[in-house]
Amino acid sequence: MKTRLPRKRKVHLRIRVNGETHEVAFAPHKTLLEVLREDMGLTGTKHGCELGECGTCTVLIDGEPQLSCLVLGLECEGMDIITVEGLADGPQPHPLQQSFAELGAAQCGYCTPGILLASKALLDEDPNPPRDRIREALSGNLCRCTGYIKIYEAVELAARRLKDPKAEPSREILRGYEV
């Protein structure tokens, strides 16, 4: 008769999410995506392919975009995690959130949280990225609804607004939105 080793049912960790430290108990096999959504109630991070191919679950871990479906929650102790819920400054949306809404850069919105976080990491690293750099930084984030142009324009507008909060969309962009 084989003896089974007792399985540890839950691990207890202190993780820092959106600037606050939380004590969380969860099954040791859970991904960070599952911990955020199921155990912490932060449902802005979306389930997508769960294979690391679509970018829908992108969060920032220590400032770097990471696919939360590929990271075990256990690995995150002592790390600083930012989800889409942590982008806004209280009631004030982040310039990325504002520009995405203003320019209609999201269609169904399912991929938007991951794109916003990948964009934030880019703008933190390069406050004035050229279009090619934006395209490269977002290449791991798939969107089925739009052609990406509005997304790139929203990132460019957010970059300008991080320097000048009163920056307006360029005339070329606005011309493209005329009906």
N, C-alpha and C. Protein backbone atom coordinates (compact mmCIF):
# COMPACT_ATOMS: atom_id res chain seq x y z
N MET A 1 0.85 -1.18 0.00
CA MET A 1 0.00 0.00 0.00
C MET A 1 0.89 1.25 0.00
N LYS A 2 0.64 2.11 -0.95
CA LYS A 2 1.41 3.36 -1.05
C LYS A 2 0.89 4.36 -0.05
N THR A 3 1.81 5.04 0.56
CA THR A 3 1.41 6.16 1.41
C THR A 3 1.50 7.44 0.60
N ARG A 4 0.49 8.22 0.72
CA ARG A 4 0.47 9.50 0.00
C ARG A 4 0.98 10.58 0.93
N LEU A 5 1.80 11.42 0.36
CA LEU A 5 2.27 12.56 1.14
C LEU A 5 1.14 13.57 1.25
N PRO A 6 1.02 14.19 2.40
CA PRO A 6 -0.03 15.20 2.52
C PRO A 6 0.26 16.37 1.58
N ARG A 7 -0.78 16.83 0.90
CA ARG A 7 -0.61 17.97 -0.01
C ARG A 7 -0.94 19.25 0.73
N LYS A 8 -0.12 20.22 0.47
CA LYS A 8 -0.36 21.52 1.05
C LYS A 8 -1.55 22.13 0.31
N ARG A 9 -2.61 22.42 0.98
CA ARG A 9 -3.82 22.88 0.33
C ARG A 9 -3.74 24.35 -0.08
N LYS A 10 -3.19 25.18 0.75
CA LYS A 10 -3.09 26.60 0.43
C LYS A 10 -1.77 27.15 0.92
N VAL A 11 -1.29 28.11 0.18
CA VAL A 11 -0.11 28.85 0.61
C VAL A 11 -0.60 30.23 1.04
N HIS A 12 0.11 30.82 1.94
CA HIS A 12 -0.22 32.16 2.43
C HIS A 12 0.94 33.08 2.10
N LEU A 13 0.64 34.09 1.29
CA LEU A 13 1.69 35.02 0.86
C LEU A 13 1.25 36.46 1.08
N ARG A 14 2.24 37.29 1.23
CA ARG A 14 2.01 38.74 1.21
C ARG A 14 2.49 39.22 -0.15
N ILE A 15 1.57 39.76 -0.94
CA ILE A 15 1.95 40.30 -2.23
C ILE A 15 1.49 41.74 -2.34
N ARG A 16 2.27 42.50 -3.08
CA ARG A 16 1.98 43.92 -3.25
C ARG A 16 1.32 44.12 -4.61
N VAL A 17 0.06 44.56 -4.59
CA VAL A 17 -0.69 44.76 -5.81
C VAL A 17 -1.27 46.17 -5.80
N ASN A 18 -0.99 46.91 -6.85
CA ASN A 18 -1.50 48.27 -7.01
C ASN A 18 -1.17 49.16 -5.81
N GLY A 19 0.06 48.99 -5.32
CA GLY A 19 0.56 49.84 -4.26
C GLY A 19 0.16 49.44 -2.85
N GLU A 20 -0.59 48.36 -2.69
CA GLU A 20 -1.02 47.91 -1.37
C GLU A 20 -0.57 46.47 -1.13
N THR A 21 -0.16 46.19 0.10
CA THR A 21 0.23 44.83 0.46
C THR A 21 -1.00 44.06 0.91
N HIS A 22 -1.14 42.84 0.38
CA HIS A 22 -2.28 41.99 0.70
C HIS A 22 -1.76 40.63 1.18
N GLU A 23 -2.46 40.06 2.16
CA GLU A 23 -2.20 38.67 2.55
C GLU A 23 -3.23 37.84 1.81
N VAL A 24 -2.74 36.86 1.05
CA VAL A 24 -3.61 36.06 0.21
C VAL A 24 -3.31 34.59 0.45
N ALA A 25 -4.36 33.79 0.55
CA ALA A 25 -4.23 32.33 0.66
C ALA A 25 -4.80 31.73 -0.61
N PHE A 26 -4.02 30.86 -1.25
CA PHE A 26 -4.47 30.26 -2.50
C PHE A 26 -3.76 28.93 -2.72
N ALA A 27 -4.32 28.13 -3.60
CA ALA A 27 -3.71 26.84 -3.94
C ALA A 27 -2.36 27.08 -4.62
N PRO A 28 -1.35 26.30 -4.28
CA PRO A 28 0.00 26.56 -4.81
C PRO A 28 0.14 26.42 -6.32
N HIS A 29 -0.78 25.76 -6.98
CA HIS A 29 -0.69 25.57 -8.43
C HIS A 29 -1.29 26.74 -9.22
N LYS A 30 -1.90 27.71 -8.54
CA LYS A 30 -2.59 28.80 -9.25
C LYS A 30 -1.61 29.77 -9.90
N THR A 31 -2.02 30.22 -11.08
CA THR A 31 -1.24 31.26 -11.76
C THR A 31 -1.57 32.61 -11.11
N LEU A 32 -0.72 33.58 -11.39
CA LEU A 32 -0.98 34.93 -10.90
C LEU A 32 -2.33 35.42 -11.43
N LEU A 33 -2.64 35.11 -12.69
CA LEU A 33 -3.93 35.48 -13.26
C LEU A 33 -5.08 34.97 -12.40
N GLU A 34 -5.03 33.72 -12.01
CA GLU A 34 -6.08 33.13 -11.18
C GLU A 34 -6.12 33.75 -9.78
N VAL A 35 -4.96 34.02 -9.21
CA VAL A 35 -4.91 34.64 -7.88
C VAL A 35 -5.54 36.03 -7.93
N LEU A 36 -5.16 36.82 -8.94
CA LEU A 36 -5.72 38.17 -9.05
C LEU A 36 -7.23 38.14 -9.20
N ARG A 37 -7.73 37.32 -10.10
CA ARG A 37 -9.16 37.29 -10.41
C ARG A 37 -9.97 36.57 -9.33
N GLU A 38 -9.55 35.37 -8.98
CA GLU A 38 -10.37 34.51 -8.12
C GLU A 38 -10.18 34.78 -6.63
N ASP A 39 -8.98 35.09 -6.23
CA ASP A 39 -8.70 35.24 -4.81
C ASP A 39 -8.66 36.69 -4.35
N MET A 40 -8.43 37.61 -5.28
CA MET A 40 -8.35 39.02 -4.91
C MET A 40 -9.49 39.85 -5.50
N GLY A 41 -10.28 39.27 -6.40
CA GLY A 41 -11.41 39.99 -6.98
C GLY A 41 -11.02 41.07 -7.97
N LEU A 42 -9.80 41.03 -8.49
CA LEU A 42 -9.34 42.01 -9.47
C LEU A 42 -9.58 41.45 -10.86
N THR A 43 -10.77 41.65 -11.37
CA THR A 43 -11.19 41.00 -12.61
C THR A 43 -10.86 41.81 -13.87
N GLY A 44 -10.15 42.92 -13.73
CA GLY A 44 -9.74 43.68 -14.90
C GLY A 44 -8.74 42.93 -15.75
N THR A 45 -7.92 42.11 -15.14
CA THR A 45 -6.99 41.26 -15.87
C THR A 45 -7.80 40.10 -16.43
N LYS A 46 -7.73 39.91 -17.73
CA LYS A 46 -8.62 38.97 -18.42
C LYS A 46 -7.97 37.63 -18.74
N HIS A 47 -8.80 36.59 -18.70
CA HIS A 47 -8.42 35.27 -19.22
C HIS A 47 -8.48 35.37 -20.74
N GLY A 48 -7.45 34.94 -21.39
CA GLY A 48 -7.46 34.90 -22.85
C GLY A 48 -7.15 33.48 -23.28
N CYS A 49 -5.99 33.31 -23.86
CA CYS A 49 -5.61 31.99 -24.38
C CYS A 49 -5.09 31.08 -23.27
N GLU A 50 -4.58 31.66 -22.20
CA GLU A 50 -3.94 30.96 -21.08
C GLU A 50 -2.74 30.13 -21.53
N LEU A 51 -2.16 30.53 -22.66
CA LEU A 51 -0.97 29.87 -23.19
C LEU A 51 0.17 30.86 -23.42
N GLY A 52 -0.04 32.12 -23.05
CA GLY A 52 0.99 33.13 -23.24
C GLY A 52 1.10 33.64 -24.66
N GLU A 53 0.03 33.55 -25.43
CA GLU A 53 0.10 33.96 -26.83
C GLU A 53 -0.69 35.22 -27.17
N CYS A 54 -1.62 35.65 -26.31
CA CYS A 54 -2.51 36.75 -26.72
C CYS A 54 -2.26 38.07 -26.01
N GLY A 55 -1.64 38.06 -24.83
CA GLY A 55 -1.34 39.29 -24.12
C GLY A 55 -2.50 39.87 -23.32
N THR A 56 -3.65 39.23 -23.35
CA THR A 56 -4.83 39.74 -22.65
C THR A 56 -4.60 39.84 -21.14
N CYS A 57 -3.79 38.98 -20.59
CA CYS A 57 -3.58 38.93 -19.14
C CYS A 57 -2.36 39.71 -18.69
N THR A 58 -1.83 40.59 -19.52
CA THR A 58 -0.62 41.34 -19.19
C THR A 58 -0.82 42.20 -17.94
N VAL A 59 0.14 42.09 -17.03
CA VAL A 59 0.23 42.95 -15.85
C VAL A 59 1.68 43.44 -15.79
N LEU A 60 1.94 44.38 -14.92
CA LEU A 60 3.32 44.82 -14.70
C LEU A 60 3.83 44.17 -13.43
N ILE A 61 4.97 43.53 -13.51
CA ILE A 61 5.63 42.96 -12.34
C ILE A 61 6.99 43.64 -12.24
N ASP A 62 7.15 44.37 -11.16
CA ASP A 62 8.36 45.19 -10.99
C ASP A 62 8.61 46.06 -12.21
N GLY A 63 7.52 46.61 -12.77
CA GLY A 63 7.60 47.54 -13.88
C GLY A 63 7.69 46.92 -15.25
N GLU A 64 7.82 45.61 -15.34
CA GLU A 64 7.96 44.92 -16.63
C GLU A 64 6.66 44.23 -17.01
N PRO A 65 6.24 44.33 -18.27
CA PRO A 65 5.03 43.61 -18.68
C PRO A 65 5.27 42.11 -18.63
N GLN A 66 4.35 41.41 -17.98
CA GLN A 66 4.43 39.96 -17.86
C GLN A 66 3.07 39.36 -18.14
N LEU A 67 3.06 38.16 -18.68
CA LEU A 67 1.81 37.45 -18.94
C LEU A 67 1.45 36.69 -17.67
N SER A 68 0.40 37.15 -16.99
CA SER A 68 0.06 36.58 -15.68
C SER A 68 -0.42 35.14 -15.76
N CYS A 69 -0.78 34.68 -16.96
CA CYS A 69 -1.18 33.28 -17.12
C CYS A 69 0.03 32.34 -17.08
N LEU A 70 1.23 32.88 -17.22
CA LEU A 70 2.44 32.06 -17.22
C LEU A 70 3.27 32.20 -15.94
N VAL A 71 2.79 32.99 -15.00
CA VAL A 71 3.52 33.24 -13.76
C VAL A 71 2.74 32.59 -12.62
N LEU A 72 3.40 31.78 -11.81
CA LEU A 72 2.73 31.22 -10.64
C LEU A 72 2.61 32.30 -9.57
N GLY A 73 1.49 32.30 -8.89
CA GLY A 73 1.30 33.24 -7.79
C GLY A 73 2.41 33.13 -6.76
N LEU A 74 2.90 31.91 -6.54
CA LEU A 74 3.99 31.68 -5.58
C LEU A 74 5.24 32.48 -5.89
N GLU A 75 5.46 32.78 -7.16
CA GLU A 75 6.67 33.47 -7.59
C GLU A 75 6.63 34.96 -7.27
N CYS A 76 5.50 35.47 -6.83
CA CYS A 76 5.30 36.92 -6.77
C CYS A 76 5.53 37.55 -5.40
N GLU A 77 5.89 36.75 -4.43
CA GLU A 77 6.15 37.33 -3.12
C GLU A 77 7.28 38.34 -3.22
N GLY A 78 7.05 39.52 -2.66
CA GLY A 78 8.06 40.58 -2.66
C GLY A 78 8.14 41.38 -3.95
N MET A 79 7.29 41.08 -4.90
CA MET A 79 7.30 41.82 -6.16
C MET A 79 6.17 42.85 -6.17
N ASP A 80 6.36 43.89 -6.97
CA ASP A 80 5.36 44.94 -7.10
C ASP A 80 4.55 44.67 -8.35
N ILE A 81 3.25 44.42 -8.19
CA ILE A 81 2.37 44.06 -9.29
C ILE A 81 1.39 45.20 -9.53
N ILE A 82 1.25 45.57 -10.80
CA ILE A 82 0.26 46.59 -11.18
C ILE A 82 -0.71 45.94 -12.16
N THR A 83 -2.00 46.08 -11.87
CA THR A 83 -3.06 45.62 -12.77
C THR A 83 -3.75 46.86 -13.33
N VAL A 84 -4.67 46.65 -14.24
CA VAL A 84 -5.39 47.78 -14.83
C VAL A 84 -6.13 48.58 -13.76
N GLU A 85 -6.56 47.93 -12.69
CA GLU A 85 -7.24 48.65 -11.61
C GLU A 85 -6.32 49.65 -10.92
N GLY A 86 -5.01 49.46 -11.04
CA GLY A 86 -4.04 50.34 -10.39
C GLY A 86 -3.52 51.47 -11.27
N LEU A 87 -4.02 51.59 -12.48
CA LEU A 87 -3.53 52.66 -13.37
C LEU A 87 -4.03 54.04 -12.97
N ALA A 88 -5.30 54.14 -12.64
CA ALA A 88 -5.88 55.44 -12.32
C ALA A 88 -5.29 55.99 -11.03
N ASP A 89 -5.30 57.30 -10.91
CA ASP A 89 -4.87 57.98 -9.69
C ASP A 89 -6.14 58.41 -8.96
N GLY A 90 -6.68 57.49 -8.15
CA GLY A 90 -7.97 57.76 -7.51
C GLY A 90 -9.05 57.86 -8.57
N PRO A 91 -9.82 58.94 -8.57
CA PRO A 91 -10.87 59.10 -9.58
C PRO A 91 -10.34 59.59 -10.94
N GLN A 92 -9.07 59.98 -10.98
CA GLN A 92 -8.47 60.51 -12.20
C GLN A 92 -7.89 59.39 -13.05
N PRO A 93 -8.45 59.15 -14.24
CA PRO A 93 -7.88 58.09 -15.09
C PRO A 93 -6.46 58.42 -15.53
N HIS A 94 -5.70 57.39 -15.77
CA HIS A 94 -4.35 57.55 -16.32
C HIS A 94 -4.49 58.15 -17.73
N PRO A 95 -3.53 58.95 -18.18
CA PRO A 95 -3.61 59.49 -19.54
C PRO A 95 -3.83 58.42 -20.62
N LEU A 96 -3.31 57.23 -20.42
CA LEU A 96 -3.58 56.15 -21.38
C LEU A 96 -5.06 55.80 -21.39
N GLN A 97 -5.65 55.65 -20.23
CA GLN A 97 -7.07 55.32 -20.16
C GLN A 97 -7.91 56.42 -20.80
N GLN A 98 -7.56 57.66 -20.52
CA GLN A 98 -8.29 58.80 -21.07
C GLN A 98 -8.18 58.85 -22.59
N SER A 99 -6.97 58.68 -23.11
CA SER A 99 -6.80 58.77 -24.57
C SER A 99 -7.44 57.58 -25.28
N PHE A 100 -7.41 56.40 -24.69
CA PHE A 100 -8.08 55.25 -25.30
C PHE A 100 -9.58 55.50 -25.39
N ALA A 101 -10.16 56.04 -24.34
CA ALA A 101 -11.59 56.32 -24.35
C ALA A 101 -11.93 57.42 -25.35
N GLU A 102 -11.15 58.47 -25.33
CA GLU A 102 -11.41 59.63 -26.19
C GLU A 102 -11.29 59.31 -27.68
N LEU A 103 -10.31 58.47 -28.03
CA LEU A 103 -10.08 58.17 -29.44
C LEU A 103 -10.76 56.88 -29.90
N GLY A 104 -11.50 56.24 -29.02
CA GLY A 104 -12.18 55.00 -29.41
C GLY A 104 -11.21 53.89 -29.75
N ALA A 105 -10.13 53.79 -28.97
CA ALA A 105 -9.09 52.81 -29.26
C ALA A 105 -9.47 51.40 -28.81
N ALA A 106 -10.60 51.26 -28.16
CA ALA A 106 -11.06 49.93 -27.76
C ALA A 106 -12.39 49.64 -28.44
N GLN A 107 -12.54 48.44 -28.91
CA GLN A 107 -13.82 48.03 -29.50
C GLN A 107 -14.59 47.29 -28.40
N CYS A 108 -14.41 45.99 -28.31
CA CYS A 108 -15.12 45.25 -27.26
C CYS A 108 -14.47 45.49 -25.91
N GLY A 109 -13.18 45.82 -25.89
CA GLY A 109 -12.49 46.16 -24.66
C GLY A 109 -11.83 44.99 -23.95
N TYR A 110 -12.01 43.77 -24.43
CA TYR A 110 -11.47 42.62 -23.72
C TYR A 110 -9.94 42.64 -23.65
N CYS A 111 -9.29 43.04 -24.73
CA CYS A 111 -7.83 43.06 -24.77
C CYS A 111 -7.25 44.34 -24.15
N THR A 112 -8.09 45.34 -23.93
CA THR A 112 -7.61 46.67 -23.55
C THR A 112 -6.79 46.69 -22.26
N PRO A 113 -7.17 45.99 -21.18
CA PRO A 113 -6.33 46.06 -19.97
C PRO A 113 -4.88 45.64 -20.22
N GLY A 114 -4.68 44.57 -20.97
CA GLY A 114 -3.32 44.13 -21.27
C GLY A 114 -2.57 45.13 -22.14
N ILE A 115 -3.26 45.71 -23.10
CA ILE A 115 -2.63 46.71 -23.97
C ILE A 115 -2.28 47.96 -23.17
N LEU A 116 -3.16 48.37 -22.27
CA LEU A 116 -2.88 49.55 -21.44
C LEU A 116 -1.61 49.34 -20.60
N LEU A 117 -1.47 48.16 -20.01
CA LEU A 117 -0.31 47.91 -19.16
C LEU A 117 0.97 47.77 -19.97
N ALA A 118 0.91 47.13 -21.13
CA ALA A 118 2.09 47.06 -21.99
C ALA A 118 2.47 48.47 -22.46
N SER A 119 1.47 49.31 -22.74
CA SER A 119 1.72 50.70 -23.14
C SER A 119 2.34 51.50 -22.01
N LYS A 120 1.86 51.29 -20.79
CA LYS A 120 2.42 52.00 -19.64
C LYS A 120 3.90 51.66 -19.47
N ALA A 121 4.22 50.38 -19.58
CA ALA A 121 5.63 49.97 -19.45
C ALA A 121 6.47 50.65 -20.52
N LEU A 122 5.95 50.72 -21.74
CA LEU A 122 6.67 51.39 -22.82
C LEU A 122 6.90 52.86 -22.49
N LEU A 123 5.84 53.57 -22.08
CA LEU A 123 5.96 55.01 -21.82
C LEU A 123 6.82 55.29 -20.59
N ASP A 124 6.86 54.36 -19.64
CA ASP A 124 7.76 54.52 -18.49
C ASP A 124 9.22 54.43 -18.94
N GLU A 125 9.47 53.58 -19.94
CA GLU A 125 10.83 53.39 -20.45
C GLU A 125 11.21 54.45 -21.49
N ASP A 126 10.25 54.79 -22.34
CA ASP A 126 10.51 55.73 -23.44
C ASP A 126 9.32 56.70 -23.51
N PRO A 127 9.44 57.89 -22.95
CA PRO A 127 8.30 58.80 -22.89
C PRO A 127 7.87 59.39 -24.23
N ASN A 128 8.65 59.18 -25.27
CA ASN A 128 8.30 59.71 -26.58
C ASN A 128 8.61 58.67 -27.67
N PRO A 129 7.94 57.52 -27.63
CA PRO A 129 8.30 56.46 -28.57
C PRO A 129 7.78 56.73 -29.98
N PRO A 130 8.57 56.41 -30.99
CA PRO A 130 8.06 56.50 -32.36
C PRO A 130 7.06 55.37 -32.61
N ARG A 131 6.28 55.50 -33.65
CA ARG A 131 5.23 54.53 -33.97
C ARG A 131 5.78 53.10 -34.07
N ASP A 132 6.95 52.93 -34.68
CA ASP A 132 7.52 51.59 -34.81
C ASP A 132 7.80 50.96 -33.44
N ARG A 133 8.23 51.78 -32.51
CA ARG A 133 8.52 51.27 -31.15
C ARG A 133 7.22 50.90 -30.44
N ILE A 134 6.17 51.68 -30.65
CA ILE A 134 4.86 51.35 -30.06
C ILE A 134 4.38 50.03 -30.65
N ARG A 135 4.47 49.89 -31.95
CA ARG A 135 4.05 48.66 -32.62
C ARG A 135 4.80 47.46 -32.06
N GLU A 136 6.09 47.60 -31.88
CA GLU A 136 6.92 46.51 -31.34
C GLU A 136 6.52 46.18 -29.90
N ALA A 137 6.33 47.22 -29.08
CA ALA A 137 5.99 47.00 -27.67
C ALA A 137 4.64 46.32 -27.50
N LEU A 138 3.73 46.55 -28.43
CA LEU A 138 2.39 45.96 -28.33
C LEU A 138 2.23 44.72 -29.20
N SER A 139 3.29 44.24 -29.80
CA SER A 139 3.18 43.11 -30.72
C SER A 139 2.71 41.82 -30.05
N GLY A 140 2.86 41.71 -28.76
CA GLY A 140 2.39 40.52 -28.04
C GLY A 140 0.96 40.63 -27.57
N ASN A 141 0.29 41.73 -27.86
CA ASN A 141 -1.10 41.95 -27.45
C ASN A 141 -1.99 41.88 -28.68
N LEU A 142 -2.82 40.86 -28.73
CA LEU A 142 -3.69 40.66 -29.88
C LEU A 142 -5.06 41.28 -29.63
N CYS A 143 -5.58 41.92 -30.68
CA CYS A 143 -6.92 42.50 -30.65
C CYS A 143 -7.66 41.96 -31.87
N ARG A 144 -8.83 41.40 -31.67
CA ARG A 144 -9.60 40.84 -32.78
C ARG A 144 -10.55 41.85 -33.40
N CYS A 145 -10.75 42.99 -32.74
CA CYS A 145 -11.81 43.91 -33.18
C CYS A 145 -11.33 45.09 -34.01
N THR A 146 -10.11 45.53 -33.83
CA THR A 146 -9.70 46.78 -34.45
C THR A 146 -8.41 46.59 -35.25
N GLY A 147 -8.06 47.58 -36.00
CA GLY A 147 -6.88 47.51 -36.85
C GLY A 147 -5.64 48.10 -36.22
N TYR A 148 -5.64 48.36 -34.94
CA TYR A 148 -4.50 48.84 -34.17
C TYR A 148 -4.16 50.31 -34.37
N ILE A 149 -4.54 50.95 -35.45
CA ILE A 149 -4.15 52.34 -35.69
C ILE A 149 -4.65 53.23 -34.56
N LYS A 150 -5.90 53.10 -34.17
CA LYS A 150 -6.42 53.93 -33.08
C LYS A 150 -5.68 53.65 -31.77
N ILE A 151 -5.27 52.42 -31.58
CA ILE A 151 -4.50 52.07 -30.37
C ILE A 151 -3.17 52.81 -30.39
N TYR A 152 -2.47 52.77 -31.52
CA TYR A 152 -1.18 53.46 -31.62
C TYR A 152 -1.37 54.97 -31.42
N GLU A 153 -2.42 55.54 -32.02
CA GLU A 153 -2.68 56.97 -31.88
C GLU A 153 -2.99 57.33 -30.42
N ALA A 154 -3.70 56.45 -29.72
CA ALA A 154 -4.02 56.71 -28.31
C ALA A 154 -2.75 56.68 -27.46
N VAL A 155 -1.84 55.78 -27.75
CA VAL A 155 -0.57 55.73 -27.01
C VAL A 155 0.23 57.00 -27.29
N GLU A 156 0.26 57.45 -28.53
CA GLU A 156 0.97 58.68 -28.87
C GLU A 156 0.36 59.88 -28.15
N LEU A 157 -0.96 59.96 -28.10
CA LEU A 157 -1.62 61.06 -27.40
C LEU A 157 -1.32 61.00 -25.90
N ALA A 158 -1.35 59.82 -25.32
CA ALA A 158 -1.04 59.68 -23.89
C ALA A 158 0.40 60.12 -23.61
N ALA A 159 1.32 59.79 -24.51
CA ALA A 159 2.71 60.21 -24.33
C ALA A 159 2.80 61.74 -24.29
N ARG A 160 2.07 62.39 -25.18
CA ARG A 160 2.06 63.86 -25.18
C ARG A 160 1.42 64.39 -23.90
N ARG A 161 0.37 63.75 -23.45
CA ARG A 161 -0.34 64.22 -22.25
C ARG A 161 0.45 63.97 -20.96
N LEU A 162 1.33 63.03 -20.97
CA LEU A 162 2.17 62.83 -19.79
C LEU A 162 3.12 64.01 -19.61
N LYS A 163 3.46 64.67 -20.72
CA LYS A 163 4.30 65.88 -20.66
C LYS A 163 3.46 67.13 -20.49
N ASP A 164 2.31 67.17 -21.16
CA ASP A 164 1.42 68.31 -21.15
C ASP A 164 -0.02 67.82 -21.04
N PRO A 165 -0.60 67.83 -19.83
CA PRO A 165 -1.94 67.28 -19.64
C PRO A 165 -3.02 67.91 -20.53
N LYS A 166 -2.74 69.08 -21.10
CA LYS A 166 -3.73 69.74 -21.96
C LYS A 166 -3.53 69.42 -23.44
N ALA A 167 -2.60 68.53 -23.76
CA ALA A 167 -2.35 68.19 -25.17
C ALA A 167 -3.61 67.64 -25.81
N GLU A 168 -3.81 68.02 -27.04
CA GLU A 168 -4.99 67.59 -27.81
C GLU A 168 -4.56 66.62 -28.89
N PRO A 169 -5.50 65.81 -29.38
CA PRO A 169 -5.18 64.94 -30.52
C PRO A 169 -4.76 65.79 -31.71
N SER A 170 -3.88 65.25 -32.54
CA SER A 170 -3.45 65.99 -33.72
C SER A 170 -4.62 66.14 -34.68
N ARG A 171 -4.52 67.13 -35.55
CA ARG A 171 -5.59 67.38 -36.53
C ARG A 171 -5.77 66.18 -37.46
N GLU A 172 -4.66 65.51 -37.78
CA GLU A 172 -4.75 64.34 -38.66
C GLU A 172 -5.60 63.26 -38.01
N ILE A 173 -5.41 63.07 -36.72
CA ILE A 173 -6.20 62.07 -36.00
C ILE A 173 -7.66 62.47 -35.98
N LEU A 174 -7.91 63.73 -35.64
CA LEU A 174 -9.30 64.19 -35.57
C LEU A 174 -9.98 64.13 -36.93
N ARG A 175 -9.23 64.40 -37.98
CA ARG A 175 -9.80 64.34 -39.32
C ARG A 175 -10.29 62.92 -39.63
N GLY A 176 -9.57 61.92 -39.12
CA GLY A 176 -9.94 60.54 -39.35
C GLY A 176 -11.20 60.13 -38.61
N TYR A 177 -11.66 60.95 -37.64
CA TYR A 177 -12.84 60.60 -36.85
C TYR A 177 -14.07 61.37 -37.31
N GLU A 178 -13.92 62.19 -38.32
CA GLU A 178 -15.09 62.93 -38.83
C GLU A 178 -16.05 61.97 -39.51
N VAL A 179 -17.31 62.22 -39.33
CA VAL A 179 -18.33 61.35 -39.94
C VAL A 179 -18.93 62.03 -41.15
